[in-house]
């Protein structure tokens, strides 16, 4: 993901995502963190998808991996019976133009490698625009639970990674037999 690869230590990478599993994206987030970039993820816990109970794949094992990096912080969207279906990457630059990539594509191999025909839009916006302010406000509101309780700390769901779930994730990752 070039936009994440180009993030610098004074930037903030915000990611709101329903499914995060694409290795290139995960590696880019880890590398950004290692460069000192503040990486903030709001993820769905994948407990429910369209009315069906789920085990937490793929976000629970991915989140566990990402939390091992110093500059990555994860909050779970408290979706209850719904799902946090957002697919938005926001590279908040200190100066100049910030970058937004959003649309219908989850950050999974199936979606990003054209196995599902998804649509995303890249927008570069100066930091003095209403769009920049709206996206910044959106993420800060959810992150800080302003005007309601939207997200919970990573620890709220950290026990969801059972040995069986971890094994299932790795088998799916190696074989490619997934629905995400």
Protein backbone atom coordinates (compact mmCIF):
# COMPACT_ATOMS: atom_id res chain seq x y z
CA UNK A 1 0.00 0.00 0.00
CA UNK A 2 1.89 2.98 -1.29
CA UNK A 3 -0.02 5.54 0.78
CA UNK A 4 0.94 3.79 4.02
CA UNK A 5 4.51 3.23 2.79
CA UNK A 6 4.82 6.99 2.22
CA UNK A 7 3.60 7.92 5.73
CA UNK A 8 6.18 9.75 7.83
CA UNK A 9 6.79 9.88 11.57
CA UNK A 10 4.73 13.05 12.08
CA UNK A 11 1.69 11.56 10.27
CA UNK A 12 -1.22 9.62 11.74
CA UNK A 13 -2.53 6.59 9.87
CA UNK A 14 -6.19 6.03 10.71
CA UNK A 15 -7.88 2.87 9.49
CA UNK A 16 -11.53 2.00 10.04
CA UNK A 17 -12.15 -1.48 8.67
CA UNK A 18 -14.61 -4.35 8.69
CA UNK A 19 -12.09 -6.99 7.52
CA UNK A 20 -8.30 -6.53 7.64
CA UNK A 21 -6.26 -9.48 6.39
CA UNK A 22 -4.22 -8.53 3.32
CA UNK A 23 -0.58 -9.26 4.07
CA UNK A 24 0.69 -6.25 2.10
CA UNK A 25 -1.50 -3.91 4.13
CA UNK A 26 -0.58 -5.56 7.44
CA UNK A 27 3.13 -5.41 6.58
CA UNK A 28 2.81 -1.75 5.52
CA UNK A 29 1.14 -0.89 8.84
CA UNK A 30 3.89 -2.69 10.77
CA UNK A 31 6.61 -0.96 8.73
CA UNK A 32 4.97 2.44 9.26
CA UNK A 33 4.90 1.80 12.99
CA UNK A 34 8.57 0.85 12.92
CA UNK A 35 9.29 4.21 11.21
CA UNK A 36 7.57 6.00 14.11
CA UNK A 37 4.21 6.63 12.42
CA UNK A 38 1.26 6.76 14.83
CA UNK A 39 -1.05 3.99 13.54
CA UNK A 40 -4.61 3.93 14.91
CA UNK A 41 -7.00 1.18 13.89
CA UNK A 42 -10.72 0.93 14.56
CA UNK A 43 -11.73 -2.62 13.72
CA UNK A 44 -14.86 -4.70 13.82
CA UNK A 45 -14.46 -7.65 16.21
CA UNK A 46 -15.99 -9.93 13.55
CA UNK A 47 -18.42 -11.47 16.04
CA UNK A 48 -21.41 -10.85 13.80
CA UNK A 49 -21.70 -10.46 10.05
CA UNK A 50 -25.05 -9.73 8.50
CA UNK A 51 -26.94 -11.46 11.32
CA UNK A 52 -24.68 -14.53 11.52
CA UNK A 53 -22.44 -15.27 14.49
CA UNK A 54 -18.72 -15.32 13.66
CA UNK A 55 -15.61 -16.43 15.49
CA UNK A 56 -13.54 -13.25 15.08
CA UNK A 57 -11.78 -13.95 11.80
CA UNK A 58 -9.81 -12.28 10.40
CA UNK A 59 -9.49 -9.23 12.68
CA UNK A 60 -8.84 -10.90 16.04
CA UNK A 61 -5.61 -12.71 15.04
CA UNK A 62 -4.47 -9.78 12.88
CA UNK A 63 -5.04 -7.35 15.76
CA UNK A 64 -3.07 -9.61 18.09
CA UNK A 65 -0.15 -9.51 15.67
CA UNK A 66 -0.31 -5.76 15.18
CA UNK A 67 -0.42 -4.92 18.89
CA UNK A 68 3.14 -6.21 19.19
CA UNK A 69 4.28 -3.03 17.43
CA UNK A 70 4.93 0.00 19.62
CA UNK A 71 3.16 2.67 17.56
CA UNK A 72 0.03 0.69 16.67
CA UNK A 73 -3.06 1.15 18.80
CA UNK A 74 -6.28 -0.74 18.19
CA UNK A 75 -9.80 -0.01 19.34
CA UNK A 76 -12.71 -2.33 18.69
CA UNK A 77 -15.91 -0.81 17.41
CA UNK A 78 -18.63 -1.77 19.88
CA UNK A 79 -21.05 -2.99 17.23
CA UNK A 80 -23.32 -5.18 19.35
CA UNK A 81 -25.57 -7.10 16.96
CA UNK A 82 -24.42 -5.06 13.97
CA UNK A 83 -21.08 -4.76 12.27
CA UNK A 84 -18.69 -1.87 11.80
CA UNK A 85 -18.77 -1.99 8.03
CA UNK A 86 -16.52 1.01 7.35
CA UNK A 87 -13.68 0.73 4.84
CA UNK A 88 -11.67 3.92 5.20
CA UNK A 89 -7.95 4.67 5.31
CA UNK A 90 -6.96 8.22 6.27
CA UNK A 91 -3.34 9.35 6.23
CA UNK A 92 -3.49 12.54 8.29
CA UNK A 93 -0.51 14.68 7.33
CA UNK A 94 0.75 17.43 9.61
CA UNK A 95 1.11 19.78 6.67
CA UNK A 96 0.01 19.87 3.06
CA UNK A 97 -2.42 17.31 1.68
CA UNK A 98 -3.90 14.36 3.55
CA UNK A 99 -4.95 11.14 1.83
CA UNK A 100 -8.22 9.23 2.07
CA UNK A 101 -8.93 5.88 0.45
CA UNK A 102 -12.42 4.58 0.97
CA UNK A 103 -15.25 2.72 -0.65
CA UNK A 104 -16.48 -0.84 -0.63
CA UNK A 105 -13.24 -2.85 -0.44
CA UNK A 106 -12.15 -4.53 2.75
CA UNK A 107 -8.40 -4.75 3.12
CA UNK A 108 -8.30 -8.45 2.30
CA UNK A 109 -6.60 -10.28 -0.54
CA UNK A 110 -9.98 -11.25 -2.01
CA UNK A 111 -11.00 -7.58 -2.24
CA UNK A 112 -7.70 -5.93 -3.12
CA UNK A 113 -6.54 -8.48 -5.72
CA UNK A 114 -9.69 -8.20 -7.85
CA UNK A 115 -11.32 -11.45 -6.74
CA UNK A 116 -14.30 -9.32 -5.71
CA UNK A 117 -15.03 -6.38 -7.94
CA UNK A 118 -14.93 -3.65 -5.31
CA UNK A 119 -14.69 0.09 -5.72
CA UNK A 120 -12.52 2.55 -3.79
CA UNK A 121 -11.74 6.20 -4.32
CA UNK A 122 -8.48 7.95 -3.47
CA UNK A 123 -8.87 11.58 -2.43
CA UNK A 124 -6.04 13.96 -1.65
CA UNK A 125 -7.29 16.99 0.21
CA UNK A 126 -5.60 20.07 1.60
CA UNK A 127 -5.71 20.15 5.39
CA UNK A 128 -7.74 23.36 5.40
CA UNK A 129 -10.85 21.88 3.76
CA UNK A 130 -14.22 20.85 5.18
CA UNK A 131 -13.57 17.29 3.98
CA UNK A 132 -10.35 17.07 6.00
CA UNK A 133 -12.16 18.43 9.06
CA UNK A 134 -15.09 16.01 8.61
CA UNK A 135 -12.88 12.92 8.35
CA UNK A 136 -10.69 14.04 11.24
CA UNK A 137 -13.79 14.67 13.37
CA UNK A 138 -15.21 11.26 12.42
CA UNK A 139 -12.15 9.33 13.56
CA UNK A 140 -11.54 11.45 16.68
CA UNK A 141 -15.20 11.09 17.70
CA UNK A 142 -15.09 7.29 17.48
CA UNK A 143 -11.60 7.02 18.97
CA UNK A 144 -12.38 9.26 21.94
CA UNK A 145 -16.02 8.19 22.37
CA UNK A 146 -17.19 11.77 22.02
CA UNK A 147 -21.00 12.08 22.27
CA UNK A 148 -21.43 8.34 22.94
CA UNK A 149 -19.63 5.05 23.39
CA UNK A 150 -18.46 3.80 20.02
CA UNK A 151 -15.19 1.97 20.63
CA UNK A 152 -13.52 -0.08 23.31
CA UNK A 153 -9.84 -0.63 24.12
CA UNK A 154 -8.05 -3.58 22.54
CA UNK A 155 -8.08 -5.45 25.87
CA UNK A 156 -11.90 -5.65 25.72
CA UNK A 157 -11.60 -8.38 23.07
CA UNK A 158 -8.07 -9.72 23.47
CA UNK A 159 -9.25 -13.00 25.01
CA UNK A 160 -11.15 -13.83 21.81
CA UNK A 161 -7.94 -15.23 20.30
CA UNK A 162 -8.18 -18.86 21.35
CA UNK A 163 -5.69 -21.50 20.21
CA UNK A 164 -8.35 -22.96 17.89
CA UNK A 165 -9.06 -19.55 16.33
CA UNK A 166 -5.34 -18.95 15.82
CA UNK A 167 -4.96 -22.37 14.16
CA UNK A 168 -8.00 -21.77 11.95
CA UNK A 169 -6.61 -18.39 10.88
CA UNK A 170 -3.21 -19.85 9.95
CA UNK A 171 -4.76 -22.75 8.01
CA UNK A 172 -6.97 -20.30 6.12
CA UNK A 173 -4.01 -18.00 5.51
CA UNK A 174 -1.86 -20.81 4.12
CA UNK A 175 -4.58 -22.40 1.97
CA UNK A 176 -6.49 -19.29 0.90
CA UNK A 177 -9.75 -21.02 1.83
CA UNK A 178 -11.59 -18.06 3.30
CA UNK A 179 -14.63 -15.96 2.69
CA UNK A 180 -12.75 -12.74 3.39
